[in-house]
Amino acid sequence: MKTKSKFSPDQNIIEHVWDHIDCQMHTRRVQPCNVDELWAALQEEWDNMSIAYIQKLYNSILRRIEALCLARGRYMKY
């Protein structure tokens, strides 16, 4: 049985990175007021992300793929 698992966002750890940055952006004391401030804030949040967090996501890839296979490409809670 072929699945579209290669297109599943459940496998893509960058989605968690974007979510993390989004959460950080919403908790900033001062919100960006223009595109230049937004870009600077995004870069700051990106730079502040810990290598340990990225490594944790990277280490989870095999578990994500296994869970996706068990779900036969359908919805999975991850």
PDB file of N, CA and C in Angstrom:
ATOM      1  N   MET A   1       0.834  -1.184   0.000  1.00  0.00           N
ATOM      2  CA  MET A   1       0.000   0.000   0.000  1.00  0.00           C
ATOM      3  C   MET A   1       0.875   1.242   0.000  1.00  0.00           C
ATOM      4  N   LYS A   2       0.696   2.084  -0.987  1.00  0.00           N
ATOM      5  CA  LYS A   2       1.441   3.324  -1.056  1.00  0.00           C
ATOM      6  C   LYS A   2       0.717   4.396  -0.252  1.00  0.00           C
ATOM      7  N   THR A   3       1.484   5.201   0.466  1.00  0.00           N
ATOM      8  CA  THR A   3       0.894   6.319   1.199  1.00  0.00           C
ATOM      9  C   THR A   3       1.572   7.597   0.750  1.00  0.00           C
ATOM     10  N   LYS A   4       0.987   8.684   1.100  1.00  0.00           N
ATOM     11  CA  LYS A   4       1.566   9.980   0.800  1.00  0.00           C
ATOM     12  C   LYS A   4       2.371  10.477   1.989  1.00  0.00           C
ATOM     13  N   SER A   5       3.005   9.578   2.714  1.00  0.00           N
ATOM     14  CA  SER A   5       3.696   9.940   3.941  1.00  0.00           C
ATOM     15  C   SER A   5       4.807  10.951   3.711  1.00  0.00           C
ATOM     16  N   LYS A   6       5.404  10.950   2.525  1.00  0.00           N
ATOM     17  CA  LYS A   6       6.481  11.911   2.287  1.00  0.00           C
ATOM     18  C   LYS A   6       5.957  13.340   2.284  1.00  0.00           C
ATOM     19  N   PHE A   7       4.630  13.505   2.196  1.00  0.00           N
ATOM     20  CA  PHE A   7       4.049  14.830   2.211  1.00  0.00           C
ATOM     21  C   PHE A   7       3.463  15.186   3.567  1.00  0.00           C
ATOM     22  N   SER A   8       3.593  14.311   4.524  1.00  0.00           N
ATOM     23  CA  SER A   8       2.977  14.517   5.826  1.00  0.00           C
ATOM     24  C   SER A   8       3.741  15.548   6.648  1.00  0.00           C
ATOM     25  N   PRO A   9       3.042  16.563   7.161  1.00  0.00           N
ATOM     26  CA  PRO A   9       3.711  17.531   8.026  1.00  0.00           C
ATOM     27  C   PRO A   9       4.169  16.904   9.341  1.00  0.00           C
ATOM     28  N   ASP A  10       3.632  15.720   9.674  1.00  0.00           N
ATOM     29  CA  ASP A  10       4.048  15.049  10.898  1.00  0.00           C
ATOM     30  C   ASP A  10       5.512  14.646  10.858  1.00  0.00           C
ATOM     31  N   GLN A  11       6.070  14.501   9.686  1.00  0.00           N
ATOM     32  CA  GLN A  11       7.472  14.116   9.561  1.00  0.00           C
ATOM     33  C   GLN A  11       8.403  15.323   9.534  1.00  0.00           C
ATOM     34  N   ASN A  12       7.882  16.475   9.248  1.00  0.00           N
ATOM     35  CA  ASN A  12       8.722  17.637   9.012  1.00  0.00           C
ATOM     36  C   ASN A  12       8.967  18.409  10.306  1.00  0.00           C
ATOM     37  N   ILE A  13      10.178  18.311  10.831  1.00  0.00           N
ATOM     38  CA  ILE A  13      10.480  18.968  12.100  1.00  0.00           C
ATOM     39  C   ILE A  13      10.504  20.487  11.977  1.00  0.00           C
ATOM     40  N   ILE A  14      10.642  21.015  10.774  1.00  0.00           N
ATOM     41  CA  ILE A  14      10.669  22.477  10.630  1.00  0.00           C
ATOM     42  C   ILE A  14       9.338  23.081  11.056  1.00  0.00           C
ATOM     43  N   GLU A  15       8.242  22.314  10.949  1.00  0.00           N
ATOM     44  CA  GLU A  15       6.947  22.831  11.392  1.00  0.00           C
ATOM     45  C   GLU A  15       6.980  23.140  12.890  1.00  0.00           C
ATOM     46  N   HIS A  16       7.693  22.330  13.655  1.00  0.00           N
ATOM     47  CA  HIS A  16       7.821  22.572  15.092  1.00  0.00           C
ATOM     48  C   HIS A  16       8.706  23.781  15.361  1.00  0.00           C
ATOM     49  N   VAL A  17       9.703  23.965  14.519  1.00  0.00           N
ATOM     50  CA  VAL A  17      10.578  25.131  14.657  1.00  0.00           C
ATOM     51  C   VAL A  17       9.776  26.402  14.396  1.00  0.00           C
ATOM     52  N   TRP A  18       8.983  26.410  13.329  1.00  0.00           N
ATOM     53  CA  TRP A  18       8.159  27.594  13.024  1.00  0.00           C
ATOM     54  C   TRP A  18       7.170  27.858  14.154  1.00  0.00           C
ATOM     55  N   ASP A  19       6.585  26.798  14.700  1.00  0.00           N
ATOM     56  CA  ASP A  19       5.643  26.965  15.804  1.00  0.00           C
ATOM     57  C   ASP A  19       6.339  27.564  17.018  1.00  0.00           C
ATOM     58  N   HIS A  20       7.531  27.098  17.296  1.00  0.00           N
ATOM     59  CA  HIS A  20       8.314  27.617  18.429  1.00  0.00           C
ATOM     60  C   HIS A  20       8.597  29.112  18.231  1.00  0.00           C
ATOM     61  N   ILE A  21       9.031  29.471  17.032  1.00  0.00           N
ATOM     62  CA  ILE A  21       9.322  30.879  16.749  1.00  0.00           C
ATOM     63  C   ILE A  21       8.047  31.710  16.855  1.00  0.00           C
ATOM     64  N   ASP A  22       6.942  31.182  16.340  1.00  0.00           N
ATOM     65  CA  ASP A  22       5.666  31.894  16.421  1.00  0.00           C
ATOM     66  C   ASP A  22       5.288  32.156  17.882  1.00  0.00           C
ATOM     67  N   CYS A  23       5.432  31.153  18.728  1.00  0.00           N
ATOM     68  CA  CYS A  23       5.127  31.328  20.154  1.00  0.00           C
ATOM     69  C   CYS A  23       6.034  32.385  20.784  1.00  0.00           C
ATOM     70  N   GLN A  24       7.308  32.334  20.442  1.00  0.00           N
ATOM     71  CA  GLN A  24       8.251  33.314  20.974  1.00  0.00           C
ATOM     72  C   GLN A  24       7.899  34.720  20.508  1.00  0.00           C
ATOM     73  N   MET A  25       7.489  34.840  19.255  1.00  0.00           N
ATOM     74  CA  MET A  25       7.126  36.158  18.712  1.00  0.00           C
ATOM     75  C   MET A  25       5.915  36.731  19.463  1.00  0.00           C
ATOM     76  N   HIS A  26       4.964  35.869  19.806  1.00  0.00           N
ATOM     77  CA  HIS A  26       3.764  36.344  20.488  1.00  0.00           C
ATOM     78  C   HIS A  26       4.015  36.702  21.950  1.00  0.00           C
ATOM     79  N   THR A  27       5.103  36.231  22.513  1.00  0.00           N
ATOM     80  CA  THR A  27       5.405  36.548  23.908  1.00  0.00           C
ATOM     81  C   THR A  27       6.383  37.710  24.050  1.00  0.00           C
ATOM     82  N   ARG A  28       6.778  38.286  22.931  1.00  0.00           N
ATOM     83  CA  ARG A  28       7.690  39.433  22.996  1.00  0.00           C
ATOM     84  C   ARG A  28       6.980  40.603  23.670  1.00  0.00           C
ATOM     85  N   ARG A  29       7.722  41.291  24.519  1.00  0.00           N
ATOM     86  CA  ARG A  29       7.153  42.440  25.237  1.00  0.00           C
ATOM     87  C   ARG A  29       6.744  43.540  24.262  1.00  0.00           C
ATOM     88  N   VAL A  30       7.588  43.792  23.280  1.00  0.00           N
ATOM     89  CA  VAL A  30       7.299  44.805  22.261  1.00  0.00           C
ATOM     90  C   VAL A  30       7.178  44.097  20.921  1.00  0.00           C
ATOM     91  N   GLN A  31       6.029  44.249  20.289  1.00  0.00           N
ATOM     92  CA  GLN A  31       5.787  43.606  18.995  1.00  0.00           C
ATOM     93  C   GLN A  31       6.375  44.453  17.864  1.00  0.00           C
ATOM     94  N   PRO A  32       6.854  43.805  16.813  1.00  0.00           N
ATOM     95  CA  PRO A  32       7.380  44.555  15.660  1.00  0.00           C
ATOM     96  C   PRO A  32       6.288  45.427  15.033  1.00  0.00           C
ATOM     97  N   CYS A  33       6.689  46.598  14.567  1.00  0.00           N
ATOM     98  CA  CYS A  33       5.725  47.541  13.982  1.00  0.00           C
ATOM     99  C   CYS A  33       5.854  47.672  12.470  1.00  0.00           C
ATOM    100  N   ASN A  34       6.915  47.128  11.911  1.00  0.00           N
ATOM    101  CA  ASN A  34       7.090  47.202  10.466  1.00  0.00           C
ATOM    102  C   ASN A  34       7.891  45.987  10.001  1.00  0.00           C
ATOM    103  N   VAL A  35       8.077  45.891   8.705  1.00  0.00           N
ATOM    104  CA  VAL A  35       8.742  44.713   8.136  1.00  0.00           C
ATOM    105  C   VAL A  35      10.175  44.580   8.636  1.00  0.00           C
ATOM    106  N   ASP A  36      10.882  45.688   8.736  1.00  0.00           N
ATOM    107  CA  ASP A  36      12.275  45.619   9.201  1.00  0.00           C
ATOM    108  C   ASP A  36      12.361  45.132  10.641  1.00  0.00           C
ATOM    109  N   GLU A  37      11.480  45.619  11.485  1.00  0.00           N
ATOM    110  CA  GLU A  37      11.451  45.161  12.877  1.00  0.00           C
ATOM    111  C   GLU A  37      11.041  43.689  12.964  1.00  0.00           C
ATOM    112  N   LEU A  38      10.091  43.302  12.130  1.00  0.00           N
ATOM    113  CA  LEU A  38       9.657  41.905  12.108  1.00  0.00           C
ATOM    114  C   LEU A  38      10.814  41.003  11.711  1.00  0.00           C
ATOM    115  N   TRP A  39      11.516  41.361  10.660  1.00  0.00           N
ATOM    116  CA  TRP A  39      12.660  40.564  10.194  1.00  0.00           C
ATOM    117  C   TRP A  39      13.713  40.453  11.294  1.00  0.00           C
ATOM    118  N   ALA A  40      14.012  41.576  11.942  1.00  0.00           N
ATOM    119  CA  ALA A  40      15.016  41.574  13.015  1.00  0.00           C
ATOM    120  C   ALA A  40      14.561  40.690  14.177  1.00  0.00           C
ATOM    121  N   ALA A  41      13.275  40.755  14.528  1.00  0.00           N
ATOM    122  CA  ALA A  41      12.744  39.942  15.626  1.00  0.00           C
ATOM    123  C   ALA A  41      12.789  38.454  15.276  1.00  0.00           C
ATOM    124  N   LEU A  42      12.426  38.120  14.034  1.00  0.00           N
ATOM    125  CA  LEU A  42      12.484  36.720  13.605  1.00  0.00           C
ATOM    126  C   LEU A  42      13.912  36.191  13.650  1.00  0.00           C
ATOM    127  N   GLN A  43      14.842  36.986  13.181  1.00  0.00           N
ATOM    128  CA  GLN A  43      16.251  36.566  13.231  1.00  0.00           C
ATOM    129  C   GLN A  43      16.720  36.381  14.667  1.00  0.00           C
ATOM    130  N   GLU A  44      16.290  37.273  15.544  1.00  0.00           N
ATOM    131  CA  GLU A  44      16.675  37.169  16.954  1.00  0.00           C
ATOM    132  C   GLU A  44      16.121  35.887  17.574  1.00  0.00           C
ATOM    133  N   GLU A  45      14.852  35.598  17.313  1.00  0.00           N
ATOM    134  CA  GLU A  45      14.257  34.378  17.862  1.00  0.00           C
ATOM    135  C   GLU A  45      14.921  33.136  17.274  1.00  0.00           C
ATOM    136  N   TRP A  46      15.237  33.172  15.993  1.00  0.00           N
ATOM    137  CA  TRP A  46      15.939  32.050  15.354  1.00  0.00           C
ATOM    138  C   TRP A  46      17.290  31.827  16.024  1.00  0.00           C
ATOM    139  N   ASP A  47      18.031  32.917  16.220  1.00  0.00           N
ATOM    140  CA  ASP A  47      19.359  32.821  16.837  1.00  0.00           C
ATOM    141  C   ASP A  47      19.294  32.365  18.289  1.00  0.00           C
ATOM    142  N   ASN A  48      18.199  32.672  18.971  1.00  0.00           N
ATOM    143  CA  ASN A  48      18.043  32.292  20.384  1.00  0.00           C
ATOM    144  C   ASN A  48      17.602  30.850  20.577  1.00  0.00           C
ATOM    145  N   MET A  49      17.195  30.204  19.498  1.00  0.00           N
ATOM    146  CA  MET A  49      16.739  28.817  19.618  1.00  0.00           C
ATOM    147  C   MET A  49      17.938  27.927  19.990  1.00  0.00           C
ATOM    148  N   SER A  50      17.720  27.080  20.958  1.00  0.00           N
ATOM    149  CA  SER A  50      18.833  26.260  21.435  1.00  0.00           C
ATOM    150  C   SER A  50      19.137  25.100  20.480  1.00  0.00           C
ATOM    151  N   ILE A  51      20.396  24.780  20.408  1.00  0.00           N
ATOM    152  CA  ILE A  51      20.838  23.632  19.614  1.00  0.00           C
ATOM    153  C   ILE A  51      20.237  22.358  20.204  1.00  0.00           C
ATOM    154  N   ALA A  52      20.068  22.324  21.514  1.00  0.00           N
ATOM    155  CA  ALA A  52      19.482  21.148  22.169  1.00  0.00           C
ATOM    156  C   ALA A  52      18.061  20.902  21.676  1.00  0.00           C
ATOM    157  N   TYR A  53      17.295  21.972  21.467  1.00  0.00           N
ATOM    158  CA  TYR A  53      15.926  21.834  20.959  1.00  0.00           C
ATOM    159  C   TYR A  53      15.940  21.260  19.545  1.00  0.00           C
ATOM    160  N   ILE A  54      16.802  21.790  18.710  1.00  0.00           N
ATOM    161  CA  ILE A  54      16.917  21.298  17.330  1.00  0.00           C
ATOM    162  C   ILE A  54      17.362  19.837  17.337  1.00  0.00           C
ATOM    163  N   GLN A  55      18.317  19.499  18.190  1.00  0.00           N
ATOM    164  CA  GLN A  55      18.806  18.123  18.275  1.00  0.00           C
ATOM    165  C   GLN A  55      17.696  17.183  18.733  1.00  0.00           C
ATOM    166  N   LYS A  56      16.873  17.636  19.684  1.00  0.00           N
ATOM    167  CA  LYS A  56      15.747  16.832  20.164  1.00  0.00           C
ATOM    168  C   LYS A  56      14.768  16.543  19.020  1.00  0.00           C
ATOM    169  N   LEU A  57      14.470  17.558  18.224  1.00  0.00           N
ATOM    170  CA  LEU A  57      13.583  17.362  17.076  1.00  0.00           C
ATOM    171  C   LEU A  57      14.212  16.408  16.067  1.00  0.00           C
ATOM    172  N   TYR A  58      15.481  16.618  15.783  1.00  0.00           N
ATOM    173  CA  TYR A  58      16.195  15.766  14.830  1.00  0.00           C
ATOM    174  C   TYR A  58      16.180  14.306  15.304  1.00  0.00           C
ATOM    175  N   ASN A  59      16.393  14.110  16.592  1.00  0.00           N
ATOM    176  CA  ASN A  59      16.413  12.753  17.146  1.00  0.00           C
ATOM    177  C   ASN A  59      15.040  12.083  17.099  1.00  0.00           C
ATOM    178  N   SER A  60      13.989  12.867  16.950  1.00  0.00           N
ATOM    179  CA  SER A  60      12.634  12.310  16.936  1.00  0.00           C
ATOM    180  C   SER A  60      12.194  11.842  15.538  1.00  0.00           C
ATOM    181  N   ILE A  61      12.987  12.086  14.527  1.00  0.00           N
ATOM    182  CA  ILE A  61      12.570  11.784  13.150  1.00  0.00           C
ATOM    183  C   ILE A  61      12.219  10.306  12.967  1.00  0.00           C
ATOM    184  N   LEU A  62      13.056   9.400  13.431  1.00  0.00           N
ATOM    185  CA  LEU A  62      12.765   7.970  13.250  1.00  0.00           C
ATOM    186  C   LEU A  62      11.466   7.567  13.948  1.00  0.00           C
ATOM    187  N   ARG A  63      11.236   8.083  15.158  1.00  0.00           N
ATOM    188  CA  ARG A  63       9.979   7.787  15.867  1.00  0.00           C
ATOM    189  C   ARG A  63       8.778   8.325  15.089  1.00  0.00           C
ATOM    190  N   ARG A  64       8.925   9.491  14.494  1.00  0.00           N
ATOM    191  CA  ARG A  64       7.839  10.080  13.703  1.00  0.00           C
ATOM    192  C   ARG A  64       7.519   9.216  12.488  1.00  0.00           C
ATOM    193  N   ILE A  65       8.552   8.760  11.815  1.00  0.00           N
ATOM    194  CA  ILE A  65       8.348   7.922  10.633  1.00  0.00           C
ATOM    195  C   ILE A  65       7.699   6.607  11.025  1.00  0.00           C
ATOM    196  N   GLU A  66       8.163   5.994  12.106  1.00  0.00           N
ATOM    197  CA  GLU A  66       7.557   4.745  12.573  1.00  0.00           C
ATOM    198  C   GLU A  66       6.079   4.947  12.919  1.00  0.00           C
ATOM    199  N   ALA A  67       5.774   6.047  13.620  1.00  0.00           N
ATOM    200  CA  ALA A  67       4.380   6.318  13.992  1.00  0.00           C
ATOM    201  C   ALA A  67       3.527   6.557  12.755  1.00  0.00           C
ATOM    202  N   LEU A  68       4.096   7.233  11.781  1.00  0.00           N
ATOM    203  CA  LEU A  68       3.356   7.493  10.551  1.00  0.00           C
ATOM    204  C   LEU A  68       3.088   6.189   9.791  1.00  0.00           C
ATOM    205  N   CYS A  69       4.070   5.303   9.770  1.00  0.00           N
ATOM    206  CA  CYS A  69       3.879   3.998   9.118  1.00  0.00           C
ATOM    207  C   CYS A  69       2.793   3.198   9.828  1.00  0.00           C
ATOM    208  N   LEU A  70       2.815   3.211  11.157  1.00  0.00           N
ATOM    209  CA  LEU A  70       1.786   2.500  11.912  1.00  0.00           C
ATOM    210  C   LEU A  70       0.399   3.083  11.656  1.00  0.00           C
ATOM    211  N   ALA A  71       0.342   4.382  11.414  1.00  0.00           N
ATOM    212  CA  ALA A  71      -0.936   5.044  11.127  1.00  0.00           C
ATOM    213  C   ALA A  71      -1.294   4.921   9.644  1.00  0.00           C
ATOM    214  N   ARG A  72      -0.441   4.232   8.893  1.00  0.00           N
ATOM    215  CA  ARG A  72      -0.644   4.044   7.447  1.00  0.00           C
ATOM    216  C   ARG A  72      -0.851   5.360   6.714  1.00  0.00           C
ATOM    217  N   GLY A  73      -0.084   6.357   7.136  1.00  0.00           N
ATOM    218  CA  GLY A  73      -0.125   7.645   6.459  1.00  0.00           C
ATOM    219  C   GLY A  73      -1.281   8.533   6.855  1.00  0.00           C
ATOM    220  N   ARG A  74      -2.145   8.016   7.722  1.00  0.00           N
ATOM    221  CA  ARG A  74      -3.292   8.809   8.154  1.00  0.00           C
ATOM    222  C   ARG A  74      -2.906   9.671   9.363  1.00  0.00           C
ATOM    223  N   TYR A  75      -3.883  10.387   9.886  1.00  0.00           N
ATOM    224  CA  TYR A  75      -3.659  11.281  11.015  1.00  0.00           C
ATOM    225  C   TYR A  75      -2.976  10.555  12.156  1.00  0.00           C
ATOM    226  N   MET A  76      -2.043  11.250  12.742  1.00  0.00           N
ATOM    227  CA  MET A  76      -1.387  10.747  13.949  1.00  0.00           C
ATOM    228  C   MET A  76      -1.156  11.912  14.878  1.00  0.00           C
ATOM    229  N   LYS A  77      -1.245  11.642  16.137  1.00  0.00           N
ATOM    230  CA  LYS A  77      -1.022  12.698  17.133  1.00  0.00           C
ATOM    231  C   LYS A  77       0.462  12.741  17.441  1.00  0.00           C
ATOM    232  N   TYR A  78       1.120  13.780  16.980  1.00  0.00           N
ATOM    233  CA  TYR A  78       2.544  13.925  17.270  1.00  0.00           C
ATOM    234  C   TYR A  78       2.851  15.338  17.607  1.00  0.00           C
TER     235      TYR A  78
END
